[in-house]
Amino acid sequence: MPEPAERPGGVRRSWALLLVLAVVQALGVLPAAADGVPGTPSPGPDAAGRTIGIRLLDAPEDRRDDPRAQAYVVDHLAPGAVIERRVEVSNESSAPMHVTLYAGAAAVANGEFAFAPERTPNELTGWTSLDTTELDLAPSATAPVRATVRVPANASAGERYGVIWAQTGAAADRAHQLAVVGRVGVRMYLDVGPGGEPPTDFTIGRLWPARARDGRAEVHARVHNTGGRALDVGGALSLLDGPGGLRAGPFPVKAGTTLAPGDAGEVTVPLDPGLPDGPWTVELTLGSGPAEHTTRATVTFPRTPGGAGSVTASAGAGDLPGPVVVGFSALVLAALCLLLLRHLRRHRRRR
């Protein structure tokens, strides 16, 4: 008995399934969501070894889900707007301490949040005032300080950076030729412009394994800031499917990578020096504020200190911005649709 001929409906369903699978695979290069939490300022000692601390006390209600806004002054304001933020200064020693407070300039350059020396001013420091600039703190005491930022009505659009500093120490005198001070601060990331806040986003590009000169295994990744706000890149890396089914981590990303809008830089994850060379499947999660992405790759670490290893498979958005990836997927979809139409036309002609 002859086999029944394939029905046109079955052809359509088969090609439709292939089409959906191909589109899902094409879109699969987009990074998945993951968690990332920035670090917070740590206390610093003054000239006498006493410890001073500072922390942000409040943040905007609409940023309660932004971990970075819980540690730093992060906001978007229209020209002419005014905001207030409170910080808490603490004397974490057993001796009295005199503290001075001021706003200092900062910049984002070469992958770092760079602090300007001493009381260097900029636009943001000129807009910032404190309700007190001097504190005398008893041992283990704390005190709140209110900072007010008044943006001029004619302020130009763009992001500004600064720090609210708490400083203590000994000034130069006849016995000490150099002034030795200790200071801690809360960073300020203030974006100015009409309308809504610029997006915060990034892509994770090339990822590669290496071994530091001390023998410790490392993973490096290229990050490109594709948004309109500065990034403080944090996150963690897990090692999966290692030799003998080993798993390790998560290992935290080395802190300190800050990228201005449009900039690209490198993040490093130091690992355990005793790790086998691999191969391993690495899963790297990076985040800054509301932007969070992940990428995976199969890597083998080099045996020689100072060398770079190999990447045999990789999945991630790379250095391509999201619209480029989606555009490529749309081209794949269009090509598959054209193939489907041609196949159906041939099938009708044969009937």
C-alpha atoms as a PDB file:
ATOM      1  CA  MET A   1       0.000   0.000   0.000  1.00  0.00           C
ATOM      2  CA  PRO A   2       1.590   3.331  -1.019  1.00  0.00           C
ATOM      3  CA  GLU A   3       2.497   5.785   1.692  1.00  0.00           C
ATOM      4  CA  PRO A   4       0.146   8.779   1.918  1.00  0.00           C
ATOM      5  CA  ALA A   5       1.423  11.950   0.300  1.00  0.00           C
ATOM      6  CA  GLU A   6       2.533  14.723   2.643  1.00  0.00           C
ATOM      7  CA  ARG A   7      -0.209  17.289   3.087  1.00  0.00           C
ATOM      8  CA  PRO A   8       0.461  20.999   2.487  1.00  0.00           C
ATOM      9  CA  GLY A   9      -0.572  21.717   6.053  1.00  0.00           C
ATOM     10  CA  GLY A  10       2.122  19.367   7.330  1.00  0.00           C
ATOM     11  CA  VAL A  11       4.699  21.151   5.176  1.00  0.00           C
ATOM     12  CA  ARG A  12       3.657  24.480   6.581  1.00  0.00           C
ATOM     13  CA  ARG A  13       3.815  23.214  10.155  1.00  0.00           C
ATOM     14  CA  SER A  14       7.277  21.691   9.645  1.00  0.00           C
ATOM     15  CA  TRP A  15       8.708  24.817   8.057  1.00  0.00           C
ATOM     16  CA  ALA A  16       7.012  27.000  10.662  1.00  0.00           C
ATOM     17  CA  LEU A  17       8.643  24.950  13.432  1.00  0.00           C
ATOM     18  CA  LEU A  18      12.052  25.251  11.781  1.00  0.00           C
ATOM     19  CA  LEU A  19      11.461  28.977  11.381  1.00  0.00           C
ATOM     20  CA  VAL A  20      10.621  29.453  15.065  1.00  0.00           C
ATOM     21  CA  LEU A  21      13.643  27.408  16.158  1.00  0.00           C
ATOM     22  CA  ALA A  22      15.955  29.411  13.906  1.00  0.00           C
ATOM     23  CA  VAL A  23      14.635  32.734  15.181  1.00  0.00           C
ATOM     24  CA  VAL A  24      14.946  31.606  18.806  1.00  0.00           C
ATOM     25  CA  GLN A  25      18.531  30.548  18.126  1.00  0.00           C
ATOM     26  CA  ALA A  26      19.292  33.889  16.469  1.00  0.00           C
ATOM     27  CA  LEU A  27      17.792  35.821  19.343  1.00  0.00           C
ATOM     28  CA  GLY A  28      19.615  33.602  21.839  1.00  0.00           C
ATOM     29  CA  VAL A  29      22.752  35.725  21.507  1.00  0.00           C
ATOM     30  CA  LEU A  30      21.067  38.411  23.589  1.00  0.00           C
ATOM     31  CA  PRO A  31      22.356  38.335  27.201  1.00  0.00           C
ATOM     32  CA  ALA A  32      20.070  37.142  29.972  1.00  0.00           C
ATOM     33  CA  ALA A  33      19.327  39.087  33.132  1.00  0.00           C
ATOM     34  CA  ALA A  34      21.419  38.582  36.248  1.00  0.00           C
ATOM     35  CA  ASP A  35      22.220  40.278  39.520  1.00  0.00           C
ATOM     36  CA  GLY A  36      24.996  42.782  40.220  1.00  0.00           C
ATOM     37  CA  VAL A  37      25.665  44.840  43.356  1.00  0.00           C
ATOM     38  CA  PRO A  38      28.208  47.661  43.647  1.00  0.00           C
ATOM     39  CA  GLY A  39      30.597  48.034  46.524  1.00  0.00           C
ATOM     40  CA  THR A  40      30.124  50.620  49.256  1.00  0.00           C
ATOM     41  CA  PRO A  41      32.657  53.117  50.636  1.00  0.00           C
ATOM     42  CA  SER A  42      34.836  51.768  53.435  1.00  0.00           C
ATOM     43  CA  PRO A  43      36.100  53.676  56.484  1.00  0.00           C
ATOM     44  CA  GLY A  44      39.548  55.242  56.327  1.00  0.00           C
ATOM     45  CA  PRO A  45      42.088  56.100  59.053  1.00  0.00           C
ATOM     46  CA  ASP A  46      43.335  59.610  59.725  1.00  0.00           C
ATOM     47  CA  ALA A  47      46.921  60.637  60.521  1.00  0.00           C
ATOM     48  CA  ALA A  48      46.660  59.336  64.085  1.00  0.00           C
ATOM     49  CA  GLY A  49      45.243  56.002  63.005  1.00  0.00           C
ATOM     50  CA  ARG A  50      41.698  56.854  64.041  1.00  0.00           C
ATOM     51  CA  THR A  51      38.934  55.592  61.769  1.00  0.00           C
ATOM     52  CA  ILE A  52      36.326  57.765  60.109  1.00  0.00           C
ATOM     53  CA  GLY A  53      33.319  56.514  58.138  1.00  0.00           C
ATOM     54  CA  ILE A  54      30.582  57.932  55.927  1.00  0.00           C
ATOM     55  CA  ARG A  55      27.469  56.466  54.338  1.00  0.00           C
ATOM     56  CA  LEU A  56      24.391  57.584  52.414  1.00  0.00           C
ATOM     57  CA  LEU A  57      21.241  57.670  54.551  1.00  0.00           C
ATOM     58  CA  ASP A  58      18.497  58.103  51.945  1.00  0.00           C
ATOM     59  CA  ALA A  59      17.788  57.593  48.247  1.00  0.00           C
ATOM     60  CA  PRO A  60      14.897  58.453  45.896  1.00  0.00           C
ATOM     61  CA  GLU A  61      11.797  56.259  46.141  1.00  0.00           C
ATOM     62  CA  ASP A  62      11.899  55.559  42.407  1.00  0.00           C
ATOM     63  CA  ARG A  63      15.421  54.098  42.792  1.00  0.00           C
ATOM     64  CA  ARG A  64      14.819  51.657  45.620  1.00  0.00           C
ATOM     65  CA  ASP A  65      15.506  48.775  43.195  1.00  0.00           C
ATOM     66  CA  ASP A  66      18.822  50.304  42.065  1.00  0.00           C
ATOM     67  CA  PRO A  67      21.596  48.916  44.321  1.00  0.00           C
ATOM     68  CA  ARG A  68      24.037  51.643  43.262  1.00  0.00           C
ATOM     69  CA  ALA A  69      21.639  54.409  44.349  1.00  0.00           C
ATOM     70  CA  GLN A  70      21.651  52.945  47.872  1.00  0.00           C
ATOM     71  CA  ALA A  71      25.384  53.666  48.215  1.00  0.00           C
ATOM     72  CA  TYR A  72      25.926  56.755  46.021  1.00  0.00           C
ATOM     73  CA  VAL A  73      24.055  59.928  45.091  1.00  0.00           C
ATOM     74  CA  VAL A  74      22.650  58.876  41.708  1.00  0.00           C
ATOM     75  CA  ASP A  75      19.952  60.967  40.028  1.00  0.00           C
ATOM     76  CA  HIS A  76      18.657  62.597  36.852  1.00  0.00           C
ATOM     77  CA  LEU A  77      17.457  66.213  37.182  1.00  0.00           C
ATOM     78  CA  ALA A  78      15.975  68.835  34.926  1.00  0.00           C
ATOM     79  CA  PRO A  79      17.654  72.263  34.804  1.00  0.00           C
ATOM     80  CA  GLY A  80      16.446  74.333  37.765  1.00  0.00           C
ATOM     81  CA  ALA A  81      15.725  71.310  39.994  1.00  0.00           C
ATOM     82  CA  VAL A  82      16.796  70.977  43.649  1.00  0.00           C
ATOM     83  CA  ILE A  83      17.470  67.781  45.604  1.00  0.00           C
ATOM     84  CA  GLU A  84      18.578  66.983  49.155  1.00  0.00           C
ATOM     85  CA  ARG A  85      20.485  63.945  50.402  1.00  0.00           C
ATOM     86  CA  ARG A  86      21.626  63.036  53.907  1.00  0.00           C
ATOM     87  CA  VAL A  87      24.888  61.311  54.744  1.00  0.00           C
ATOM     88  CA  GLU A  88      26.013  59.991  58.119  1.00  0.00           C
ATOM     89  CA  VAL A  89      29.557  60.609  59.366  1.00  0.00           C
ATOM     90  CA  SER A  90      30.921  58.306  62.070  1.00  0.00           C
ATOM     91  CA  ASN A  91      33.888  58.334  64.436  1.00  0.00           C
ATOM     92  CA  GLU A  92      34.749  54.651  64.619  1.00  0.00           C
ATOM     93  CA  SER A  93      37.535  55.048  67.167  1.00  0.00           C
ATOM     94  CA  SER A  94      37.926  55.514  70.917  1.00  0.00           C
ATOM     95  CA  ALA A  95      39.256  59.085  70.667  1.00  0.00           C
ATOM     96  CA  PRO A  96      37.496  62.405  69.878  1.00  0.00           C
ATOM     97  CA  MET A  97      37.725  63.526  66.280  1.00  0.00           C
ATOM     98  CA  HIS A  98      37.360  66.818  64.398  1.00  0.00           C
ATOM     99  CA  VAL A  99      35.943  66.359  60.897  1.00  0.00           C
ATOM    100  CA  THR A 100      35.654  68.790  57.996  1.00  0.00           C
ATOM    101  CA  LEU A 101      33.157  68.238  55.180  1.00  0.00           C
ATOM    102  CA  TYR A 102      33.092  69.522  51.598  1.00  0.00           C
ATOM    103  CA  ALA A 103      32.181  68.565  48.041  1.00  0.00           C
ATOM    104  CA  GLY A 104      35.100  67.754  45.740  1.00  0.00           C
ATOM    105  CA  ALA A 105      35.411  67.220  42.000  1.00  0.00           C
ATOM    106  CA  ALA A 106      35.705  63.845  40.296  1.00  0.00           C
ATOM    107  CA  ALA A 107      35.840  62.485  36.753  1.00  0.00           C
ATOM    108  CA  VAL A 108      35.332  59.188  34.937  1.00  0.00           C
ATOM    109  CA  ALA A 109      38.305  58.422  32.694  1.00  0.00           C
ATOM    110  CA  ASN A 110      40.419  55.422  31.644  1.00  0.00           C
ATOM    111  CA  GLY A 111      37.974  53.000  33.237  1.00  0.00           C
ATOM    112  CA  GLU A 112      38.133  54.597  36.686  1.00  0.00           C
ATOM    113  CA  PHE A 113      36.208  56.982  38.910  1.00  0.00           C
ATOM    114  CA  ALA A 114      39.044  59.470  39.495  1.00  0.00           C
ATOM    115  CA  PHE A 115      39.062  61.680  42.614  1.00  0.00           C
ATOM    116  CA  ALA A 116      40.457  65.180  42.140  1.00  0.00           C
ATOM    117  CA  PRO A 117      43.058  66.284  44.737  1.00  0.00           C
ATOM    118  CA  GLU A 118      42.007  68.154  47.866  1.00  0.00           C
ATOM    119  CA  ARG A 119      39.180  70.679  47.302  1.00  0.00           C
ATOM    120  CA  THR A 120      39.344  70.883  43.504  1.00  0.00           C
ATOM    121  CA  PRO A 121      36.041  72.377  42.270  1.00  0.00           C
ATOM    122  CA  ASN A 122      33.881  71.653  39.242  1.00  0.00           C
ATOM    123  CA  GLU A 123      30.331  72.485  38.143  1.00  0.00           C
ATOM    124  CA  LEU A 124      28.739  69.951  40.482  1.00  0.00           C
ATOM    125  CA  THR A 125      30.664  71.127  43.552  1.00  0.00           C
ATOM    126  CA  GLY A 126      29.492  74.676  42.773  1.00  0.00           C
ATOM    127  CA  TRP A 127      25.895  73.477  42.841  1.00  0.00           C
ATOM    128  CA  THR A 128      26.358  71.531  46.118  1.00  0.00           C
ATOM    129  CA  SER A 129      26.101  72.966  49.633  1.00  0.00           C
ATOM    130  CA  LEU A 130      26.259  71.257  53.059  1.00  0.00           C
ATOM    131  CA  ASP A 131      24.318  72.290  56.156  1.00  0.00           C
ATOM    132  CA  THR A 132      27.540  71.963  58.166  1.00  0.00           C
ATOM    133  CA  THR A 133      31.209  71.876  57.207  1.00  0.00           C
ATOM    134  CA  GLU A 134      32.685  71.095  60.646  1.00  0.00           C
ATOM    135  CA  LEU A 135      31.934  68.304  63.120  1.00  0.00           C
ATOM    136  CA  ASP A 136      33.385  67.402  66.508  1.00  0.00           C
ATOM    137  CA  LEU A 137      32.567  63.776  67.146  1.00  0.00           C
ATOM    138  CA  ALA A 138      32.939  61.955  70.448  1.00  0.00           C
ATOM    139  CA  PRO A 139      34.304  58.393  70.392  1.00  0.00           C
ATOM    140  CA  SER A 140      31.956  56.032  68.488  1.00  0.00           C
ATOM    141  CA  ALA A 141      29.579  58.939  67.742  1.00  0.00           C
ATOM    142  CA  THR A 142      27.717  59.639  64.495  1.00  0.00           C
ATOM    143  CA  ALA A 143      26.186  62.776  62.993  1.00  0.00           C
ATOM    144  CA  PRO A 144      23.953  63.394  59.952  1.00  0.00           C
ATOM    145  CA  VAL A 145      24.884  65.996  57.317  1.00  0.00           C
ATOM    146  CA  ARG A 146      22.448  67.330  54.736  1.00  0.00           C
ATOM    147  CA  ALA A 147      23.679  68.032  51.205  1.00  0.00           C
ATOM    148  CA  THR A 148      21.645  70.227  48.843  1.00  0.00           C
ATOM    149  CA  VAL A 149      22.201  70.295  45.080  1.00  0.00           C
ATOM    150  CA  ARG A 150      20.707  73.245  43.161  1.00  0.00           C
ATOM    151  CA  VAL A 151      20.943  72.853  39.387  1.00  0.00           C
ATOM    152  CA  PRO A 152      20.959  76.223  37.557  1.00  0.00           C
ATOM    153  CA  ALA A 153      18.109  76.831  35.135  1.00  0.00           C
ATOM    154  CA  ASN A 154      20.614  77.317  32.305  1.00  0.00           C
ATOM    155  CA  ALA A 155      22.650  74.162  33.049  1.00  0.00           C
ATOM    156  CA  SER A 156      23.663  72.227  29.940  1.00  0.00           C
ATOM    157  CA  ALA A 157      22.766  68.570  29.463  1.00  0.00           C
ATOM    158  CA  GLY A 158      25.210  65.886  30.583  1.00  0.00           C
ATOM    159  CA  GLU A 159      26.442  63.863  33.539  1.00  0.00           C
ATOM    160  CA  ARG A 160      28.574  65.404  36.314  1.00  0.00           C
ATOM    161  CA  TYR A 161      30.659  63.649  38.961  1.00  0.00           C
ATOM    162  CA  GLY A 162      31.766  64.598  42.447  1.00  0.00           C
ATOM    163  CA  VAL A 163      32.254  63.353  46.023  1.00  0.00           C
ATOM    164  CA  ILE A 164      30.899  64.444  49.407  1.00  0.00           C
ATOM    165  CA  TRP A 165      34.038  64.159  51.513  1.00  0.00           C
ATOM    166  CA  ALA A 166      34.519  63.768  55.282  1.00  0.00           C
ATOM    167  CA  GLN A 167      38.126  64.547  56.209  1.00  0.00           C
ATOM    168  CA  THR A 168      40.249  64.530  59.331  1.00  0.00           C
ATOM    169  CA  GLY A 169      43.981  64.688  60.046  1.00  0.00           C
ATOM    170  CA  ALA A 170      46.963  66.770  61.095  1.00  0.00           C
ATOM    171  CA  ALA A 171      47.977  69.940  59.242  1.00  0.00           C
ATOM    172  CA  ALA A 172      51.573  70.779  58.399  1.00  0.00           C
ATOM    173  CA  ASP A 173      53.491  72.597  61.151  1.00  0.00           C
ATOM    174  CA  ARG A 174      57.080  73.074  62.335  1.00  0.00           C
ATOM    175  CA  ALA A 175      57.245  69.470  63.519  1.00  0.00           C
ATOM    176  CA  HIS A 176      55.587  67.989  60.418  1.00  0.00           C
ATOM    177  CA  GLN A 177      56.583  69.241  56.976  1.00  0.00           C
ATOM    178  CA  LEU A 178      53.699  67.406  55.301  1.00  0.00           C
ATOM    179  CA  ALA A 179      50.002  67.428  56.134  1.00  0.00           C
ATOM    180  CA  VAL A 180      48.699  63.900  56.637  1.00  0.00           C
ATOM    181  CA  VAL A 181      44.944  63.480  56.300  1.00  0.00           C
ATOM    182  CA  GLY A 182      42.397  60.731  55.995  1.00  0.00           C
ATOM    183  CA  ARG A 183      39.172  61.161  54.060  1.00  0.00           C
ATOM    184  CA  VAL A 184      36.203  59.061  53.017  1.00  0.00           C
ATOM    185  CA  GLY A 185      33.420  60.039  50.673  1.00  0.00           C
ATOM    186  CA  VAL A 186      30.137  59.292  48.969  1.00  0.00           C
ATOM    187  CA  ARG A 187      30.256  59.481  45.174  1.00  0.00           C
ATOM    188  CA  MET A 188      27.867  61.675  43.188  1.00  0.00           C
ATOM    189  CA  TYR A 189      26.583  60.823  39.697  1.00  0.00           C
ATOM    190  CA  LEU A 190      24.224  63.595  38.612  1.00  0.00           C
ATOM    191  CA  ASP A 191      22.775  63.680  35.108  1.00  0.00           C
ATOM    192  CA  VAL A 192      21.134  66.900  33.894  1.00  0.00           C
ATOM    193  CA  GLY A 193      18.766  67.275  30.995  1.00  0.00           C
ATOM    194  CA  PRO A 194      15.126  67.738  29.982  1.00  0.00           C
ATOM    195  CA  GLY A 195      12.758  64.800  29.681  1.00  0.00           C
ATOM    196  CA  GLY A 196      13.402  61.298  30.908  1.00  0.00           C
ATOM    197  CA  GLU A 197      16.647  59.827  32.187  1.00  0.00           C
ATOM    198  CA  PRO A 198      19.067  58.409  29.594  1.00  0.00           C
ATOM    199  CA  PRO A 199      19.144  54.593  29.571  1.00  0.00           C
ATOM    200  CA  THR A 200      21.740  52.602  31.499  1.00  0.00           C
ATOM    201  CA  ASP A 201      23.032  49.655  29.479  1.00  0.00           C
ATOM    202  CA  PHE A 202      26.132  47.817  28.308  1.00  0.00           C
ATOM    203  CA  THR A 203      27.301  44.811  26.324  1.00  0.00           C
ATOM    204  CA  ILE A 204      29.757  42.115  27.335  1.00  0.00           C
ATOM    205  CA  GLY A 205      32.249  41.589  24.539  1.00  0.00           C
ATOM    206  CA  ARG A 206      35.271  39.340  24.187  1.00  0.00           C
ATOM    207  CA  LEU A 207      35.985  37.037  27.137  1.00  0.00           C
ATOM    208  CA  TRP A 208      39.321  35.281  27.655  1.00  0.00           C
ATOM    209  CA  PRO A 209      41.134  33.259  30.346  1.00  0.00           C
ATOM    210  CA  ALA A 210      44.613  34.094  31.582  1.00  0.00           C
ATOM    211  CA  ARG A 211      47.058  33.266  34.337  1.00  0.00           C
ATOM    212  CA  ALA A 212      48.601  36.068  36.378  1.00  0.00           C
ATOM    213  CA  ARG A 213      52.342  36.202  36.996  1.00  0.00           C
ATOM    214  CA  ASP A 214      51.786  34.872  40.518  1.00  0.00           C
ATOM    215  CA  GLY A 215      50.125  31.766  39.034  1.00  0.00           C
ATOM    216  CA  ARG A 216      46.538  32.717  39.844  1.00  0.00           C
ATOM    217  CA  ALA A 217      43.944  31.942  37.163  1.00  0.00           C
ATOM    218  CA  GLU A 218      41.925  34.920  35.887  1.00  0.00           C
ATOM    219  CA  VAL A 219      39.069  35.640  33.515  1.00  0.00           C
ATOM    220  CA  HIS A 220      38.969  38.946  31.618  1.00  0.00           C
ATOM    221  CA  ALA A 221      36.066  40.448  29.705  1.00  0.00           C
ATOM    222  CA  ARG A 222      35.579  43.517  27.528  1.00  0.00           C
ATOM    223  CA  VAL A 223      32.629  45.724  28.508  1.00  0.00           C
ATOM    224  CA  HIS A 224      31.169  48.503  26.348  1.00  0.00           C
ATOM    225  CA  ASN A 225      28.948  51.201  27.893  1.00  0.00           C
ATOM    226  CA  THR A 226      26.135  51.586  25.341  1.00  0.00           C
ATOM    227  CA  GLY A 227      23.913  53.754  27.568  1.00  0.00           C
ATOM    228  CA  GLY A 228      23.812  57.375  28.651  1.00  0.00           C
ATOM    229  CA  ARG A 229      24.903  56.981  32.301  1.00  0.00           C
ATOM    230  CA  ALA A 230      28.233  56.016  33.842  1.00  0.00           C
ATOM    231  CA  LEU A 231      28.655  52.399  34.941  1.00  0.00           C
ATOM    232  CA  ASP A 232      30.243  50.937  38.078  1.00  0.00           C
ATOM    233  CA  VAL A 233      30.694  47.378  36.888  1.00  0.00           C
ATOM    234  CA  GLY A 234      30.311  44.629  39.469  1.00  0.00           C
ATOM    235  CA  GLY A 235      29.272  41.000  39.414  1.00  0.00           C
ATOM    236  CA  ALA A 236      30.506  37.449  39.768  1.00  0.00           C
ATOM    237  CA  LEU A 237      31.703  34.436  37.776  1.00  0.00           C
ATOM    238  CA  SER A 238      30.916  30.749  38.256  1.00  0.00           C
ATOM    239  CA  LEU A 239      32.905  27.808  36.876  1.00  0.00           C
ATOM    240  CA  LEU A 240      30.841  24.851  35.654  1.00  0.00           C
ATOM    241  CA  ASP A 241      31.452  21.507  33.925  1.00  0.00           C
ATOM    242  CA  GLY A 242      35.146  21.425  34.825  1.00  0.00           C
ATOM    243  CA  PRO A 243      37.460  18.396  34.738  1.00  0.00           C
ATOM    244  CA  GLY A 244      35.701  15.475  36.406  1.00  0.00           C
ATOM    245  CA  GLY A 245      32.504  17.526  36.682  1.00  0.00           C
ATOM    246  CA  LEU A 246      34.062  20.078  39.061  1.00  0.00           C
ATOM    247  CA  ARG A 247      32.245  23.336  39.877  1.00  0.00           C
ATOM    248  CA  ALA A 248      33.639  26.418  41.615  1.00  0.00           C
ATOM    249  CA  GLY A 249      32.559  29.902  42.602  1.00  0.00           C
ATOM    250  CA  PRO A 250      30.972  32.295  42.464  1.00  0.00           C
ATOM    251  CA  PHE A 251      34.070  34.521  42.363  1.00  0.00           C
ATOM    252  CA  PRO A 252      33.533  38.308  42.662  1.00  0.00           C
ATOM    253  CA  VAL A 253      34.607  40.689  39.915  1.00  0.00           C
ATOM    254  CA  LYS A 254      37.569  42.857  40.896  1.00  0.00           C
ATOM    255  CA  ALA A 255      36.107  46.207  41.943  1.00  0.00           C
ATOM    256  CA  GLY A 256      37.064  49.547  40.440  1.00  0.00           C
ATOM    257  CA  THR A 257      35.924  49.505  36.794  1.00  0.00           C
ATOM    258  CA  THR A 258      33.873  52.641  36.019  1.00  0.00           C
ATOM    259  CA  LEU A 259      32.960  53.485  32.427  1.00  0.00           C
ATOM    260  CA  ALA A 260      31.665  56.785  31.053  1.00  0.00           C
ATOM    261  CA  PRO A 261      28.939  56.690  28.378  1.00  0.00           C
ATOM    262  CA  GLY A 262      30.375  55.366  25.115  1.00  0.00           C
ATOM    263  CA  ASP A 263      33.569  54.049  26.718  1.00  0.00           C
ATOM    264  CA  ALA A 264      34.829  50.463  26.775  1.00  0.00           C
ATOM    265  CA  GLY A 265      37.029  48.826  29.354  1.00  0.00           C
ATOM    266  CA  GLU A 266      38.145  45.553  30.881  1.00  0.00           C
ATOM    267  CA  VAL A 267      36.921  43.719  33.965  1.00  0.00           C
ATOM    268  CA  THR A 268      38.935  41.035  35.739  1.00  0.00           C
ATOM    269  CA  VAL A 269      37.834  38.122  37.911  1.00  0.00           C
ATOM    270  CA  PRO A 270      40.679  36.676  40.062  1.00  0.00           C
ATOM    271  CA  LEU A 271      40.228  32.939  40.707  1.00  0.00           C
ATOM    272  CA  ASP A 272      41.694  30.219  42.919  1.00  0.00           C
ATOM    273  CA  PRO A 273      45.360  29.505  42.043  1.00  0.00           C
ATOM    274  CA  GLY A 274      44.792  25.773  42.495  1.00  0.00           C
ATOM    275  CA  LEU A 275      42.162  25.445  39.763  1.00  0.00           C
ATOM    276  CA  PRO A 276      42.827  22.837  37.037  1.00  0.00           C
ATOM    277  CA  ASP A 277      43.424  24.262  33.567  1.00  0.00           C
ATOM    278  CA  GLY A 278      40.096  22.979  32.244  1.00  0.00           C
ATOM    279  CA  PRO A 279      38.236  23.060  30.020  1.00  0.00           C
ATOM    280  CA  TRP A 280      35.576  24.899  32.038  1.00  0.00           C
ATOM    281  CA  THR A 281      32.242  26.476  31.242  1.00  0.00           C
ATOM    282  CA  VAL A 282      32.342  29.984  32.715  1.00  0.00           C
ATOM    283  CA  GLU A 283      29.209  31.988  33.448  1.00  0.00           C
ATOM    284  CA  LEU A 284      29.966  35.672  33.951  1.00  0.00           C
ATOM    285  CA  THR A 285      27.326  37.973  35.431  1.00  0.00           C
ATOM    286  CA  LEU A 286      27.857  41.746  35.333  1.00  0.00           C
ATOM    287  CA  GLY A 287      25.657  44.594  36.491  1.00  0.00           C
ATOM    288  CA  SER A 288      25.509  48.308  37.178  1.00  0.00           C
ATOM    289  CA  GLY A 289      22.373  49.885  38.599  1.00  0.00           C
ATOM    290  CA  PRO A 290      19.331  48.616  36.667  1.00  0.00           C
ATOM    291  CA  ALA A 291      21.413  47.118  33.839  1.00  0.00           C
ATOM    292  CA  GLU A 292      22.321  43.437  34.286  1.00  0.00           C
ATOM    293  CA  HIS A 293      23.655  40.930  31.736  1.00  0.00           C
ATOM    294  CA  THR A 294      25.292  37.510  31.635  1.00  0.00           C
ATOM    295  CA  THR A 295      27.449  35.592  29.180  1.00  0.00           C
ATOM    296  CA  ARG A 296      28.846  32.065  28.981  1.00  0.00           C
ATOM    297  CA  ALA A 297      31.917  30.571  27.336  1.00  0.00           C
ATOM    298  CA  THR A 298      34.027  27.400  27.372  1.00  0.00           C
ATOM    299  CA  VAL A 299      37.624  28.203  28.301  1.00  0.00           C
ATOM    300  CA  THR A 300      40.933  26.535  29.083  1.00  0.00           C
ATOM    301  CA  PHE A 301      43.429  28.356  31.314  1.00  0.00           C
ATOM    302  CA  PRO A 302      47.100  28.542  30.282  1.00  0.00           C
ATOM    303  CA  ARG A 303      49.708  26.657  32.276  1.00  0.00           C
ATOM    304  CA  THR A 304      52.337  29.404  32.063  1.00  0.00           C
ATOM    305  CA  PRO A 305      52.058  32.463  34.347  1.00  0.00           C
ATOM    306  CA  GLY A 306      51.561  35.614  32.311  1.00  0.00           C
ATOM    307  CA  GLY A 307      49.999  33.699  29.431  1.00  0.00           C
ATOM    308  CA  ALA A 308      46.537  33.753  27.853  1.00  0.00           C
ATOM    309  CA  GLY A 309      44.357  30.674  27.458  1.00  0.00           C
ATOM    310  CA  SER A 310      41.883  29.589  24.800  1.00  0.00           C
ATOM    311  CA  VAL A 311      38.148  30.040  24.247  1.00  0.00           C
ATOM    312  CA  THR A 312      36.571  27.159  22.348  1.00  0.00           C
ATOM    313  CA  ALA A 313      32.932  28.295  22.522  1.00  0.00           C
ATOM    314  CA  SER A 314      31.220  31.498  23.502  1.00  0.00           C
ATOM    315  CA  ALA A 315      27.678  32.822  23.864  1.00  0.00           C
ATOM    316  CA  GLY A 316      26.884  36.453  24.516  1.00  0.00           C
ATOM    317  CA  ALA A 317      26.050  39.772  22.926  1.00  0.00           C
ATOM    318  CA  GLY A 318      29.744  40.587  22.331  1.00  0.00           C
ATOM    319  CA  ASP A 319      30.550  44.182  21.482  1.00  0.00           C
ATOM    320  CA  LEU A 320      27.435  44.444  19.299  1.00  0.00           C
ATOM    321  CA  PRO A 321      24.803  46.835  20.653  1.00  0.00           C
ATOM    322  CA  GLY A 322      21.355  45.349  21.197  1.00  0.00           C
ATOM    323  CA  PRO A 323      19.768  47.013  18.096  1.00  0.00           C
ATOM    324  CA  VAL A 324      22.474  45.501  15.858  1.00  0.00           C
ATOM    325  CA  VAL A 325      21.812  42.016  17.255  1.00  0.00           C
ATOM    326  CA  VAL A 326      18.056  42.423  16.810  1.00  0.00           C
ATOM    327  CA  GLY A 327      18.603  43.771  13.287  1.00  0.00           C
ATOM    328  CA  PHE A 328      20.673  40.718  12.393  1.00  0.00           C
ATOM    329  CA  SER A 329      17.941  38.457  13.772  1.00  0.00           C
ATOM    330  CA  ALA A 330      15.363  40.311  11.673  1.00  0.00           C
ATOM    331  CA  LEU A 331      17.445  39.655   8.550  1.00  0.00           C
ATOM    332  CA  VAL A 332      17.582  35.951   9.443  1.00  0.00           C
ATOM    333  CA  LEU A 333      13.804  35.935   9.901  1.00  0.00           C
ATOM    334  CA  ALA A 334      13.238  37.637   6.533  1.00  0.00           C
ATOM    335  CA  ALA A 335      15.502  35.167   4.740  1.00  0.00           C
ATOM    336  CA  LEU A 336      13.731  32.189   6.303  1.00  0.00           C
ATOM    337  CA  CYS A 337      10.325  33.626   5.366  1.00  0.00           C
ATOM    338  CA  LEU A 338      11.507  33.985   1.745  1.00  0.00           C
ATOM    339  CA  LEU A 339      12.686  30.368   1.693  1.00  0.00           C
ATOM    340  CA  LEU A 340       9.353  29.234   3.115  1.00  0.00           C
ATOM    341  CA  LEU A 341       7.379  31.112   0.438  1.00  0.00           C
ATOM    342  CA  ARG A 342       9.513  29.649  -2.354  1.00  0.00           C
ATOM    343  CA  HIS A 343       9.060  26.146  -0.992  1.00  0.00           C
ATOM    344  CA  LEU A 344       5.277  26.524  -0.765  1.00  0.00           C
ATOM    345  CA  ARG A 345       5.081  27.848  -4.343  1.00  0.00           C
ATOM    346  CA  ARG A 346       7.041  24.862  -5.656  1.00  0.00           C
ATOM    347  CA  HIS A 347       4.792  22.524  -3.690  1.00  0.00           C
ATOM    348  CA  ARG A 348       1.616  24.068  -5.237  1.00  0.00           C
ATOM    349  CA  ARG A 349       3.026  23.734  -8.761  1.00  0.00           C
ATOM    350  CA  ARG A 350       3.669  20.006  -8.242  1.00  0.00           C
ATOM    351  CA  ARG A 351       0.088  19.342  -7.116  1.00  0.00           C
END
